[in-house]
Amino acid sequence: MAEPQVCPGCAGQRGTEKVQHTVETDGGDNQVHREHRYWSPCGRCSGAGVVYG
């Protein structure tokens, strides 16, 4: 049976910070670059923090 190992994708943190880049308008007609940061479950371990290998 495979032993659980710390997920190399998230280092056991169960998720990773993601960054979404968008271009939005300010109050006028100017376009500004925005970064939206958010936390989501790791895509490699699905938020478990461990993988079996």
N, C-alpha and C. Protein backbone atom coordinates (compact mmCIF):
# COMPACT_ATOMS: atom_id res chain seq x y z
N MET A 1 0.85 -1.18 0.00
CA MET A 1 0.00 0.00 0.00
C MET A 1 0.89 1.24 0.00
N ALA A 2 0.50 2.26 -0.72
CA ALA A 2 1.29 3.48 -0.84
C ALA A 2 1.23 4.30 0.45
N GLU A 3 2.35 4.90 0.78
CA GLU A 3 2.44 5.73 1.98
C GLU A 3 2.05 7.17 1.66
N PRO A 4 1.36 7.85 2.59
CA PRO A 4 1.05 9.26 2.35
C PRO A 4 2.32 10.11 2.42
N GLN A 5 2.41 11.07 1.52
CA GLN A 5 3.54 11.98 1.48
C GLN A 5 3.00 13.41 1.42
N VAL A 6 3.77 14.34 1.95
CA VAL A 6 3.38 15.75 1.90
C VAL A 6 3.27 16.15 0.42
N CYS A 7 2.20 16.79 0.08
CA CYS A 7 1.96 17.19 -1.31
C CYS A 7 3.05 18.18 -1.76
N PRO A 8 3.74 17.87 -2.87
CA PRO A 8 4.76 18.79 -3.36
C PRO A 8 4.17 20.05 -4.00
N GLY A 9 2.91 20.01 -4.36
CA GLY A 9 2.27 21.18 -4.98
C GLY A 9 1.97 22.30 -4.00
N CYS A 10 1.62 21.95 -2.76
CA CYS A 10 1.25 22.96 -1.77
C CYS A 10 2.07 22.86 -0.48
N ALA A 11 3.01 21.94 -0.44
CA ALA A 11 3.86 21.72 0.74
C ALA A 11 3.04 21.41 1.98
N GLY A 12 1.91 20.73 1.80
CA GLY A 12 1.07 20.35 2.93
C GLY A 12 0.14 21.44 3.43
N GLN A 13 0.12 22.60 2.77
CA GLN A 13 -0.71 23.72 3.21
C GLN A 13 -2.17 23.57 2.81
N ARG A 14 -2.49 22.58 2.00
CA ARG A 14 -3.84 22.25 1.56
C ARG A 14 -4.43 23.21 0.55
N GLY A 15 -3.68 24.20 0.15
CA GLY A 15 -4.15 25.14 -0.85
C GLY A 15 -3.03 26.04 -1.31
N THR A 16 -3.32 26.84 -2.30
CA THR A 16 -2.33 27.77 -2.82
C THR A 16 -2.99 29.11 -3.11
N GLU A 17 -2.18 30.15 -3.07
CA GLU A 17 -2.68 31.47 -3.41
C GLU A 17 -2.68 31.61 -4.93
N LYS A 18 -3.76 32.07 -5.46
CA LYS A 18 -3.90 32.30 -6.89
C LYS A 18 -3.97 33.80 -7.14
N VAL A 19 -3.55 34.22 -8.33
CA VAL A 19 -3.59 35.63 -8.71
C VAL A 19 -4.33 35.73 -10.04
N GLN A 20 -5.37 36.55 -10.07
CA GLN A 20 -6.11 36.80 -11.31
C GLN A 20 -5.82 38.23 -11.73
N HIS A 21 -5.40 38.40 -12.96
CA HIS A 21 -5.10 39.73 -13.49
C HIS A 21 -6.27 40.19 -14.37
N THR A 22 -6.72 41.41 -14.12
CA THR A 22 -7.81 41.98 -14.92
C THR A 22 -7.48 43.42 -15.29
N VAL A 23 -8.17 43.91 -16.30
CA VAL A 23 -8.10 45.32 -16.67
C VAL A 23 -9.49 45.88 -16.43
N GLU A 24 -9.56 46.91 -15.59
CA GLU A 24 -10.84 47.51 -15.24
C GLU A 24 -10.78 49.00 -15.50
N THR A 25 -11.90 49.63 -15.47
CA THR A 25 -11.92 51.09 -15.63
C THR A 25 -12.05 51.74 -14.26
N ASP A 26 -11.39 52.87 -14.11
CA ASP A 26 -11.54 53.61 -12.87
C ASP A 26 -12.80 54.47 -12.98
N GLY A 27 -12.95 55.45 -12.19
CA GLY A 27 -14.13 56.30 -12.22
C GLY A 27 -14.34 57.03 -13.54
N GLY A 28 -13.26 57.22 -14.28
CA GLY A 28 -13.35 57.90 -15.57
C GLY A 28 -13.25 56.89 -16.71
N ASP A 29 -12.54 57.30 -17.75
CA ASP A 29 -12.39 56.42 -18.91
C ASP A 29 -11.02 55.74 -18.94
N ASN A 30 -10.31 55.75 -17.82
CA ASN A 30 -8.98 55.17 -17.78
C ASN A 30 -9.03 53.68 -17.44
N GLN A 31 -8.21 52.90 -18.13
CA GLN A 31 -8.09 51.49 -17.82
C GLN A 31 -6.94 51.29 -16.83
N VAL A 32 -7.18 50.46 -15.83
CA VAL A 32 -6.15 50.19 -14.82
C VAL A 32 -6.00 48.68 -14.63
N HIS A 33 -4.78 48.27 -14.38
CA HIS A 33 -4.49 46.87 -14.14
C HIS A 33 -4.79 46.55 -12.68
N ARG A 34 -5.47 45.45 -12.43
CA ARG A 34 -5.79 45.03 -11.06
C ARG A 34 -5.35 43.57 -10.88
N GLU A 35 -4.91 43.27 -9.68
CA GLU A 35 -4.60 41.91 -9.29
C GLU A 35 -5.57 41.50 -8.19
N HIS A 36 -6.23 40.39 -8.38
CA HIS A 36 -7.13 39.84 -7.37
C HIS A 36 -6.49 38.57 -6.85
N ARG A 37 -6.17 38.55 -5.56
CA ARG A 37 -5.53 37.38 -4.94
C ARG A 37 -6.57 36.62 -4.13
N TYR A 38 -6.51 35.31 -4.22
CA TYR A 38 -7.44 34.48 -3.46
C TYR A 38 -6.80 33.13 -3.18
N TRP A 39 -7.30 32.45 -2.19
CA TRP A 39 -6.82 31.16 -1.76
C TRP A 39 -7.78 30.09 -2.29
N SER A 40 -7.23 29.01 -2.83
CA SER A 40 -8.09 27.93 -3.29
C SER A 40 -7.42 26.60 -3.02
N PRO A 41 -8.21 25.52 -2.96
CA PRO A 41 -7.64 24.20 -2.70
C PRO A 41 -6.59 23.84 -3.76
N CYS A 42 -5.59 23.13 -3.32
CA CYS A 42 -4.51 22.70 -4.21
C CYS A 42 -5.07 21.80 -5.31
N GLY A 43 -4.68 22.05 -6.53
CA GLY A 43 -5.14 21.24 -7.66
C GLY A 43 -4.50 19.87 -7.72
N ARG A 44 -3.38 19.71 -7.04
CA ARG A 44 -2.67 18.44 -7.08
C ARG A 44 -3.22 17.45 -6.06
N CYS A 45 -3.54 17.92 -4.85
CA CYS A 45 -4.02 17.01 -3.80
C CYS A 45 -5.49 17.25 -3.45
N SER A 46 -6.14 18.16 -4.13
CA SER A 46 -7.55 18.51 -3.89
C SER A 46 -7.81 18.99 -2.47
N GLY A 47 -6.81 19.63 -1.88
CA GLY A 47 -6.98 20.20 -0.55
C GLY A 47 -6.70 19.24 0.59
N ALA A 48 -6.21 18.04 0.31
CA ALA A 48 -5.92 17.07 1.37
C ALA A 48 -4.60 17.36 2.08
N GLY A 49 -3.65 17.96 1.38
CA GLY A 49 -2.33 18.23 1.95
C GLY A 49 -1.36 17.08 1.81
N VAL A 50 -1.86 15.91 1.42
CA VAL A 50 -1.00 14.74 1.21
C VAL A 50 -1.34 14.08 -0.11
N VAL A 51 -0.38 13.38 -0.66
CA VAL A 51 -0.57 12.55 -1.85
C VAL A 51 -0.08 11.14 -1.53
N TYR A 52 -0.55 10.19 -2.24
CA TYR A 52 -0.13 8.81 -2.03
C TYR A 52 0.68 8.36 -3.23
N GLY A 53 1.91 7.97 -2.97
CA GLY A 53 2.74 7.62 -4.10
C GLY A 53 3.73 6.64 -3.77
